Amino acid sequence: MVTKFGNASSVDHAWGDRADIEVKQAAQHVAALTGAIPQDIIWTSGSTESINLAIQGTIHQLTRSGITPRIAVTTVEHKAVRCCIIRG
């Protein structure tokens, strides 16, 4: 995305429209590579957000399935893993 600049969430102007198309195409490519569907692809702004989404999403899904989640965390983990606060 080095030629299509714009906020993909701002689709009330041409710059945003073009960026939105590019982001959707990127999701299609990633989905094809990973065996997912484009709607399953979630873009985040960085590692902390991604880590929190993965941990909290996994815990939520396990809990909904009746499984008690158990996560082992060591001191060598990324700070975002160690500081992930899960509120029920």
PDB file of N, CA and C in Angstrom:
ATOM      1  N   MET A   1       0.832  -1.181   0.000  1.00  0.00           N
ATOM      2  CA  MET A   1       0.000   0.000   0.000  1.00  0.00           C
ATOM      3  C   MET A   1       0.880   1.248   0.000  1.00  0.00           C
ATOM      4  N   VAL A   2       1.742   1.317  -0.962  1.00  0.00           N
ATOM      5  CA  VAL A   2       2.625   2.476  -1.057  1.00  0.00           C
ATOM      6  C   VAL A   2       2.167   3.479  -2.107  1.00  0.00           C
ATOM      7  N   THR A   3       1.118   3.140  -2.831  1.00  0.00           N
ATOM      8  CA  THR A   3       0.640   4.072  -3.859  1.00  0.00           C
ATOM      9  C   THR A   3      -0.776   4.560  -3.603  1.00  0.00           C
ATOM     10  N   LYS A   4      -1.511   3.886  -2.727  1.00  0.00           N
ATOM     11  CA  LYS A   4      -2.896   4.263  -2.432  1.00  0.00           C
ATOM     12  C   LYS A   4      -2.981   4.760  -0.998  1.00  0.00           C
ATOM     13  N   PHE A   5      -2.854   6.051  -0.821  1.00  0.00           N
ATOM     14  CA  PHE A   5      -2.889   6.620   0.515  1.00  0.00           C
ATOM     15  C   PHE A   5      -4.297   7.061   0.857  1.00  0.00           C
ATOM     16  N   GLY A   6      -4.635   6.981   2.096  1.00  0.00           N
ATOM     17  CA  GLY A   6      -5.958   7.402   2.540  1.00  0.00           C
ATOM     18  C   GLY A   6      -6.425   6.546   3.692  1.00  0.00           C
ATOM     19  N   ASN A   7      -7.427   7.007   4.381  1.00  0.00           N
ATOM     20  CA  ASN A   7      -8.006   6.278   5.486  1.00  0.00           C
ATOM     21  C   ASN A   7      -9.110   5.384   4.935  1.00  0.00           C
ATOM     22  N   ALA A   8      -8.909   4.089   5.005  1.00  0.00           N
ATOM     23  CA  ALA A   8      -9.865   3.144   4.436  1.00  0.00           C
ATOM     24  C   ALA A   8     -11.220   3.187   5.136  1.00  0.00           C
ATOM     25  N   SER A   9     -11.257   3.761   6.325  1.00  0.00           N
ATOM     26  CA  SER A   9     -12.525   3.894   7.049  1.00  0.00           C
ATOM     27  C   SER A   9     -13.273   5.161   6.650  1.00  0.00           C
ATOM     28  N   SER A  10     -12.608   6.046   5.939  1.00  0.00           N
ATOM     29  CA  SER A  10     -13.246   7.284   5.482  1.00  0.00           C
ATOM     30  C   SER A  10     -13.631   7.127   4.021  1.00  0.00           C
ATOM     31  N   VAL A  11     -14.781   6.554   3.808  1.00  0.00           N
ATOM     32  CA  VAL A  11     -15.185   6.225   2.439  1.00  0.00           C
ATOM     33  C   VAL A  11     -16.122   7.278   1.841  1.00  0.00           C
ATOM     34  N   ASP A  12     -16.031   8.483   2.353  1.00  0.00           N
ATOM     35  CA  ASP A  12     -16.851   9.550   1.788  1.00  0.00           C
ATOM     36  C   ASP A  12     -16.035  10.444   0.851  1.00  0.00           C
ATOM     37  N   HIS A  13     -14.869   9.952   0.464  1.00  0.00           N
ATOM     38  CA  HIS A  13     -14.037  10.665  -0.511  1.00  0.00           C
ATOM     39  C   HIS A  13     -13.192   9.661  -1.277  1.00  0.00           C
ATOM     40  N   ALA A  14     -12.694  10.074  -2.406  1.00  0.00           N
ATOM     41  CA  ALA A  14     -11.983   9.169  -3.321  1.00  0.00           C
ATOM     42  C   ALA A  14     -10.755   8.524  -2.690  1.00  0.00           C
ATOM     43  N   TRP A  15      -9.998   9.285  -1.887  1.00  0.00           N
ATOM     44  CA  TRP A  15      -8.792   8.716  -1.261  1.00  0.00           C
ATOM     45  C   TRP A  15      -9.169   7.540  -0.353  1.00  0.00           C
ATOM     46  N   GLY A  16     -10.200   7.728   0.448  1.00  0.00           N
ATOM     47  CA  GLY A  16     -10.650   6.655   1.337  1.00  0.00           C
ATOM     48  C   GLY A  16     -11.232   5.486   0.568  1.00  0.00           C
ATOM     49  N   ASP A  17     -11.964   5.774  -0.484  1.00  0.00           N
ATOM     50  CA  ASP A  17     -12.545   4.708  -1.312  1.00  0.00           C
ATOM     51  C   ASP A  17     -11.453   3.818  -1.905  1.00  0.00           C
ATOM     52  N   ARG A  18     -10.404   4.449  -2.429  1.00  0.00           N
ATOM     53  CA  ARG A  18      -9.308   3.679  -3.027  1.00  0.00           C
ATOM     54  C   ARG A  18      -8.580   2.848  -1.970  1.00  0.00           C
ATOM     55  N   ALA A  19      -8.350   3.437  -0.809  1.00  0.00           N
ATOM     56  CA  ALA A  19      -7.675   2.706   0.269  1.00  0.00           C
ATOM     57  C   ALA A  19      -8.535   1.535   0.740  1.00  0.00           C
ATOM     58  N   ASP A  20      -9.844   1.727   0.826  1.00  0.00           N
ATOM     59  CA  ASP A  20     -10.757   0.666   1.246  1.00  0.00           C
ATOM     60  C   ASP A  20     -10.689  -0.519   0.281  1.00  0.00           C
ATOM     61  N   ILE A  21     -10.654  -0.240  -1.001  1.00  0.00           N
ATOM     62  CA  ILE A  21     -10.540  -1.303  -2.008  1.00  0.00           C
ATOM     63  C   ILE A  21      -9.239  -2.075  -1.818  1.00  0.00           C
ATOM     64  N   GLU A  22      -8.150  -1.359  -1.585  1.00  0.00           N
ATOM     65  CA  GLU A  22      -6.844  -2.001  -1.392  1.00  0.00           C
ATOM     66  C   GLU A  22      -6.825  -2.880  -0.145  1.00  0.00           C
ATOM     67  N   VAL A  23      -7.401  -2.399   0.944  1.00  0.00           N
ATOM     68  CA  VAL A  23      -7.443  -3.172   2.190  1.00  0.00           C
ATOM     69  C   VAL A  23      -8.275  -4.437   1.988  1.00  0.00           C
ATOM     70  N   LYS A  24      -9.388  -4.331   1.299  1.00  0.00           N
ATOM     71  CA  LYS A  24     -10.223  -5.503   1.034  1.00  0.00           C
ATOM     72  C   LYS A  24      -9.503  -6.512   0.152  1.00  0.00           C
ATOM     73  N   GLN A  25      -8.740  -6.026  -0.832  1.00  0.00           N
ATOM     74  CA  GLN A  25      -7.962  -6.932  -1.686  1.00  0.00           C
ATOM     75  C   GLN A  25      -6.858  -7.612  -0.882  1.00  0.00           C
ATOM     76  N   ALA A  26      -6.241  -6.875   0.018  1.00  0.00           N
ATOM     77  CA  ALA A  26      -5.201  -7.460   0.873  1.00  0.00           C
ATOM     78  C   ALA A  26      -5.790  -8.552   1.751  1.00  0.00           C
ATOM     79  N   ALA A  27      -6.993  -8.331   2.276  1.00  0.00           N
ATOM     80  CA  ALA A  27      -7.660  -9.349   3.100  1.00  0.00           C
ATOM     81  C   ALA A  27      -7.938 -10.597   2.271  1.00  0.00           C
ATOM     82  N   GLN A  28      -8.303 -10.427   1.012  1.00  0.00           N
ATOM     83  CA  GLN A  28      -8.542 -11.584   0.139  1.00  0.00           C
ATOM     84  C   GLN A  28      -7.256 -12.378  -0.063  1.00  0.00           C
ATOM     85  N   HIS A  29      -6.139 -11.675  -0.260  1.00  0.00           N
ATOM     86  CA  HIS A  29      -4.849 -12.352  -0.455  1.00  0.00           C
ATOM     87  C   HIS A  29      -4.430 -13.111   0.806  1.00  0.00           C
ATOM     88  N   VAL A  30      -4.536 -12.460   1.968  1.00  0.00           N
ATOM     89  CA  VAL A  30      -4.157 -13.108   3.220  1.00  0.00           C
ATOM     90  C   VAL A  30      -5.064 -14.302   3.492  1.00  0.00           C
ATOM     91  N   ALA A  31      -6.352 -14.150   3.249  1.00  0.00           N
ATOM     92  CA  ALA A  31      -7.290 -15.254   3.458  1.00  0.00           C
ATOM     93  C   ALA A  31      -6.940 -16.439   2.561  1.00  0.00           C
ATOM     94  N   ALA A  32      -6.602 -16.175   1.316  1.00  0.00           N
ATOM     95  CA  ALA A  32      -6.239 -17.253   0.397  1.00  0.00           C
ATOM     96  C   ALA A  32      -4.972 -17.970   0.866  1.00  0.00           C
ATOM     97  N   LEU A  33      -4.035 -17.228   1.410  1.00  0.00           N
ATOM     98  CA  LEU A  33      -2.788 -17.825   1.894  1.00  0.00           C
ATOM     99  C   LEU A  33      -2.981 -18.652   3.152  1.00  0.00           C
ATOM    100  N   THR A  34      -3.959 -18.297   3.968  1.00  0.00           N
ATOM    101  CA  THR A  34      -4.136 -18.947   5.266  1.00  0.00           C
ATOM    102  C   THR A  34      -5.319 -19.910   5.318  1.00  0.00           C
ATOM    103  N   GLY A  35      -6.061 -20.012   4.239  1.00  0.00           N
ATOM    104  CA  GLY A  35      -7.211 -20.894   4.224  1.00  0.00           C
ATOM    105  C   GLY A  35      -8.409 -20.327   4.963  1.00  0.00           C
ATOM    106  N   ALA A  36      -8.449 -19.023   5.123  1.00  0.00           N
ATOM    107  CA  ALA A  36      -9.554 -18.355   5.809  1.00  0.00           C
ATOM    108  C   ALA A  36     -10.473 -17.727   4.771  1.00  0.00           C
ATOM    109  N   ILE A  37     -11.437 -16.985   5.254  1.00  0.00           N
ATOM    110  CA  ILE A  37     -12.252 -16.163   4.371  1.00  0.00           C
ATOM    111  C   ILE A  37     -11.939 -14.711   4.696  1.00  0.00           C
ATOM    112  N   PRO A  38     -12.066 -13.813   3.733  1.00  0.00           N
ATOM    113  CA  PRO A  38     -11.679 -12.411   3.965  1.00  0.00           C
ATOM    114  C   PRO A  38     -12.323 -11.782   5.203  1.00  0.00           C
ATOM    115  N   GLN A  39     -13.545 -12.189   5.521  1.00  0.00           N
ATOM    116  CA  GLN A  39     -14.220 -11.627   6.691  1.00  0.00           C
ATOM    117  C   GLN A  39     -13.555 -12.042   8.005  1.00  0.00           C
ATOM    118  N   ASP A  40     -12.747 -13.101   7.974  1.00  0.00           N
ATOM    119  CA  ASP A  40     -12.039 -13.556   9.168  1.00  0.00           C
ATOM    120  C   ASP A  40     -10.752 -12.774   9.426  1.00  0.00           C
ATOM    121  N   ILE A  41     -10.306 -12.006   8.455  1.00  0.00           N
ATOM    122  CA  ILE A  41      -9.059 -11.261   8.592  1.00  0.00           C
ATOM    123  C   ILE A  41      -9.332  -9.974   9.360  1.00  0.00           C
ATOM    124  N   ILE A  42      -8.574  -9.784  10.441  1.00  0.00           N
ATOM    125  CA  ILE A  42      -8.710  -8.587  11.266  1.00  0.00           C
ATOM    126  C   ILE A  42      -7.383  -7.845  11.244  1.00  0.00           C
ATOM    127  N   TRP A  43      -7.418  -6.600  10.815  1.00  0.00           N
ATOM    128  CA  TRP A  43      -6.215  -5.772  10.782  1.00  0.00           C
ATOM    129  C   TRP A  43      -6.106  -5.035  12.113  1.00  0.00           C
ATOM    130  N   THR A  44      -4.926  -5.037  12.687  1.00  0.00           N
ATOM    131  CA  THR A  44      -4.691  -4.309  13.932  1.00  0.00           C
ATOM    132  C   THR A  44      -3.576  -3.303  13.722  1.00  0.00           C
ATOM    133  N   SER A  45      -3.422  -2.428  14.703  1.00  0.00           N
ATOM    134  CA  SER A  45      -2.430  -1.368  14.563  1.00  0.00           C
ATOM    135  C   SER A  45      -1.055  -1.759  15.083  1.00  0.00           C
ATOM    136  N   GLY A  46      -0.948  -2.890  15.746  1.00  0.00           N
ATOM    137  CA  GLY A  46       0.361  -3.281  16.246  1.00  0.00           C
ATOM    138  C   GLY A  46       0.313  -4.540  17.090  1.00  0.00           C
ATOM    139  N   SER A  47       1.466  -4.895  17.658  1.00  0.00           N
ATOM    140  CA  SER A  47       1.586  -6.163  18.381  1.00  0.00           C
ATOM    141  C   SER A  47       0.741  -6.216  19.641  1.00  0.00           C
ATOM    142  N   THR A  48       0.684  -5.154  20.422  1.00  0.00           N
ATOM    143  CA  THR A  48      -0.085  -5.185  21.661  1.00  0.00           C
ATOM    144  C   THR A  48      -1.555  -5.453  21.383  1.00  0.00           C
ATOM    145  N   GLU A  49      -2.108  -4.747  20.428  1.00  0.00           N
ATOM    146  CA  GLU A  49      -3.508  -4.956  20.070  1.00  0.00           C
ATOM    147  C   GLU A  49      -3.727  -6.370  19.548  1.00  0.00           C
ATOM    148  N   SER A  50      -2.818  -6.870  18.738  1.00  0.00           N
ATOM    149  CA  SER A  50      -2.942  -8.216  18.186  1.00  0.00           C
ATOM    150  C   SER A  50      -2.863  -9.276  19.275  1.00  0.00           C
ATOM    151  N   ILE A  51      -1.916  -9.133  20.176  1.00  0.00           N
ATOM    152  CA  ILE A  51      -1.742 -10.085  21.261  1.00  0.00           C
ATOM    153  C   ILE A  51      -2.979 -10.116  22.148  1.00  0.00           C
ATOM    154  N   ASN A  52      -3.473  -8.947  22.527  1.00  0.00           N
ATOM    155  CA  ASN A  52      -4.664  -8.884  23.371  1.00  0.00           C
ATOM    156  C   ASN A  52      -5.867  -9.504  22.679  1.00  0.00           C
ATOM    157  N   LEU A  53      -6.036  -9.233  21.411  1.00  0.00           N
ATOM    158  CA  LEU A  53      -7.145  -9.794  20.656  1.00  0.00           C
ATOM    159  C   LEU A  53      -7.049 -11.318  20.619  1.00  0.00           C
ATOM    160  N   ALA A  54      -5.863 -11.841  20.374  1.00  0.00           N
ATOM    161  CA  ALA A  54      -5.680 -13.295  20.296  1.00  0.00           C
ATOM    162  C   ALA A  54      -5.925 -13.965  21.644  1.00  0.00           C
ATOM    163  N   ILE A  55      -5.343 -13.428  22.699  1.00  0.00           N
ATOM    164  CA  ILE A  55      -5.499 -14.039  24.022  1.00  0.00           C
ATOM    165  C   ILE A  55      -6.942 -13.936  24.501  1.00  0.00           C
ATOM    166  N   GLN A  56      -7.492 -12.736  24.471  1.00  0.00           N
ATOM    167  CA  GLN A  56      -8.841 -12.558  24.987  1.00  0.00           C
ATOM    168  C   GLN A  56      -9.879 -13.283  24.126  1.00  0.00           C
ATOM    169  N   GLY A  57      -9.671 -13.300  22.819  1.00  0.00           N
ATOM    170  CA  GLY A  57     -10.581 -14.019  21.937  1.00  0.00           C
ATOM    171  C   GLY A  57     -10.551 -15.516  22.185  1.00  0.00           C
ATOM    172  N   THR A  58      -9.369 -16.061  22.394  1.00  0.00           N
ATOM    173  CA  THR A  58      -9.235 -17.488  22.678  1.00  0.00           C
ATOM    174  C   THR A  58      -9.887 -17.838  24.002  1.00  0.00           C
ATOM    175  N   ILE A  59      -9.628 -17.041  25.022  1.00  0.00           N
ATOM    176  CA  ILE A  59     -10.233 -17.296  26.326  1.00  0.00           C
ATOM    177  C   ILE A  59     -11.758 -17.205  26.237  1.00  0.00           C
ATOM    178  N   HIS A  60     -12.249 -16.203  25.545  1.00  0.00           N
ATOM    179  CA  HIS A  60     -13.694 -16.045  25.398  1.00  0.00           C
ATOM    180  C   HIS A  60     -14.307 -17.259  24.702  1.00  0.00           C
ATOM    181  N   GLN A  61     -13.707 -17.701  23.616  1.00  0.00           N
ATOM    182  CA  GLN A  61     -14.242 -18.846  22.863  1.00  0.00           C
ATOM    183  C   GLN A  61     -14.187 -20.121  23.687  1.00  0.00           C
ATOM    184  N   LEU A  62     -13.093 -20.362  24.391  1.00  0.00           N
ATOM    185  CA  LEU A  62     -12.994 -21.554  25.224  1.00  0.00           C
ATOM    186  C   LEU A  62     -14.049 -21.539  26.324  1.00  0.00           C
ATOM    187  N   THR A  63     -14.203 -20.395  26.959  1.00  0.00           N
ATOM    188  CA  THR A  63     -15.187 -20.254  28.033  1.00  0.00           C
ATOM    189  C   THR A  63     -16.598 -20.505  27.517  1.00  0.00           C
ATOM    190  N   ARG A  64     -16.912 -19.944  26.359  1.00  0.00           N
ATOM    191  CA  ARG A  64     -18.244 -20.167  25.767  1.00  0.00           C
ATOM    192  C   ARG A  64     -18.462 -21.637  25.420  1.00  0.00           C
ATOM    193  N   SER A  65     -17.389 -22.355  25.155  1.00  0.00           N
ATOM    194  CA  SER A  65     -17.485 -23.776  24.804  1.00  0.00           C
ATOM    195  C   SER A  65     -17.482 -24.672  26.040  1.00  0.00           C
ATOM    196  N   GLY A  66     -17.445 -24.075  27.231  1.00  0.00           N
ATOM    197  CA  GLY A  66     -17.454 -24.851  28.466  1.00  0.00           C
ATOM    198  C   GLY A  66     -16.094 -25.359  28.891  1.00  0.00           C
ATOM    199  N   ILE A  67     -15.043 -24.845  28.270  1.00  0.00           N
ATOM    200  CA  ILE A  67     -13.683 -25.267  28.595  1.00  0.00           C
ATOM    201  C   ILE A  67     -13.034 -24.184  29.461  1.00  0.00           C
ATOM    202  N   THR A  68     -12.425 -24.614  30.565  1.00  0.00           N
ATOM    203  CA  THR A  68     -11.723 -23.658  31.420  1.00  0.00           C
ATOM    204  C   THR A  68     -10.352 -23.379  30.799  1.00  0.00           C
ATOM    205  N   PRO A  69     -10.121 -22.137  30.373  1.00  0.00           N
ATOM    206  CA  PRO A  69      -8.831 -21.832  29.735  1.00  0.00           C
ATOM    207  C   PRO A  69      -7.688 -21.843  30.741  1.00  0.00           C
ATOM    208  N   ARG A  70      -6.553 -22.342  30.301  1.00  0.00           N
ATOM    209  CA  ARG A  70      -5.337 -22.314  31.113  1.00  0.00           C
ATOM    210  C   ARG A  70      -4.226 -21.795  30.216  1.00  0.00           C
ATOM    211  N   ILE A  71      -3.597 -20.746  30.665  1.00  0.00           N
ATOM    212  CA  ILE A  71      -2.529 -20.133  29.878  1.00  0.00           C
ATOM    213  C   ILE A  71      -1.286 -20.031  30.740  1.00  0.00           C
ATOM    214  N   ALA A  72      -0.193 -20.554  30.256  1.00  0.00           N
ATOM    215  CA  ALA A  72       1.084 -20.450  30.960  1.00  0.00           C
ATOM    216  C   ALA A  72       1.839 -19.253  30.396  1.00  0.00           C
ATOM    217  N   VAL A  73       2.276 -18.383  31.280  1.00  0.00           N
ATOM    218  CA  VAL A  73       3.003 -17.184  30.879  1.00  0.00           C
ATOM    219  C   VAL A  73       4.291 -17.116  31.682  1.00  0.00           C
ATOM    220  N   THR A  74       5.388 -16.849  30.999  1.00  0.00           N
ATOM    221  CA  THR A  74       6.678 -16.734  31.677  1.00  0.00           C
ATOM    222  C   THR A  74       7.172 -15.294  31.637  1.00  0.00           C
ATOM    223  N   THR A  75       8.232 -15.032  32.352  1.00  0.00           N
ATOM    224  CA  THR A  75       8.786 -13.674  32.424  1.00  0.00           C
ATOM    225  C   THR A  75       9.438 -13.232  31.112  1.00  0.00           C
ATOM    226  N   VAL A  76       9.672 -14.152  30.190  1.00  0.00           N
ATOM    227  CA  VAL A  76      10.296 -13.775  28.925  1.00  0.00           C
ATOM    228  C   VAL A  76       9.274 -13.390  27.866  1.00  0.00           C
ATOM    229  N   GLU A  77       7.980 -13.435  28.217  1.00  0.00           N
ATOM    230  CA  GLU A  77       6.942 -13.055  27.271  1.00  0.00           C
ATOM    231  C   GLU A  77       6.991 -11.561  26.989  1.00  0.00           C
ATOM    232  N   HIS A  78       6.454 -11.188  25.863  1.00  0.00           N
ATOM    233  CA  HIS A  78       6.278  -9.782  25.514  1.00  0.00           C
ATOM    234  C   HIS A  78       5.428  -9.128  26.594  1.00  0.00           C
ATOM    235  N   LYS A  79       5.693  -7.879  26.897  1.00  0.00           N
ATOM    236  CA  LYS A  79       4.961  -7.175  27.945  1.00  0.00           C
ATOM    237  C   LYS A  79       3.448  -7.204  27.701  1.00  0.00           C
ATOM    238  N   ALA A  80       3.039  -7.148  26.458  1.00  0.00           N
ATOM    239  CA  ALA A  80       1.609  -7.179  26.142  1.00  0.00           C
ATOM    240  C   ALA A  80       0.971  -8.501  26.554  1.00  0.00           C
ATOM    241  N   VAL A  81       1.743  -9.580  26.543  1.00  0.00           N
ATOM    242  CA  VAL A  81       1.224 -10.869  26.995  1.00  0.00           C
ATOM    243  C   VAL A  81       1.119 -10.867  28.509  1.00  0.00           C
ATOM    244  N   ARG A  82       2.180 -10.413  29.171  1.00  0.00           N
ATOM    245  CA  ARG A  82       2.195 -10.418  30.633  1.00  0.00           C
ATOM    246  C   ARG A  82       1.169  -9.476  31.232  1.00  0.00           C
ATOM    247  N   CYS A  83       0.871  -8.406  30.551  1.00  0.00           N
ATOM    248  CA  CYS A  83      -0.040  -7.386  31.093  1.00  0.00           C
ATOM    249  C   CYS A  83      -1.453  -7.482  30.547  1.00  0.00           C
ATOM    250  N   CYS A  84      -1.745  -8.528  29.827  1.00  0.00           N
ATOM    251  CA  CYS A  84      -3.080  -8.687  29.254  1.00  0.00           C
ATOM    252  C   CYS A  84      -4.078  -8.888  30.388  1.00  0.00           C
ATOM    253  N   ILE A  85      -4.927  -7.892  30.577  1.00  0.00           N
ATOM    254  CA  ILE A  85      -5.915  -7.964  31.645  1.00  0.00           C
ATOM    255  C   ILE A  85      -7.209  -8.475  31.059  1.00  0.00           C
ATOM    256  N   ILE A  86      -7.718  -9.526  31.653  1.00  0.00           N
ATOM    257  CA  ILE A  86      -8.944 -10.145  31.164  1.00  0.00           C
ATOM    258  C   ILE A  86     -10.048  -9.837  32.164  1.00  0.00           C
ATOM    259  N   ARG A  87     -11.038  -9.137  31.698  1.00  0.00           N
ATOM    260  CA  ARG A  87     -12.173  -8.796  32.544  1.00  0.00           C
ATOM    261  C   ARG A  87     -13.377  -9.581  32.064  1.00  0.00           C
ATOM    262  N   GLY A  88     -14.061 -10.225  32.978  1.00  0.00           N
ATOM    263  CA  GLY A  88     -15.196 -11.059  32.625  1.00  0.00           C
ATOM    264  C   GLY A  88     -16.467 -10.369  32.433  1.00  0.00           C
TER     265      GLY A  88
END
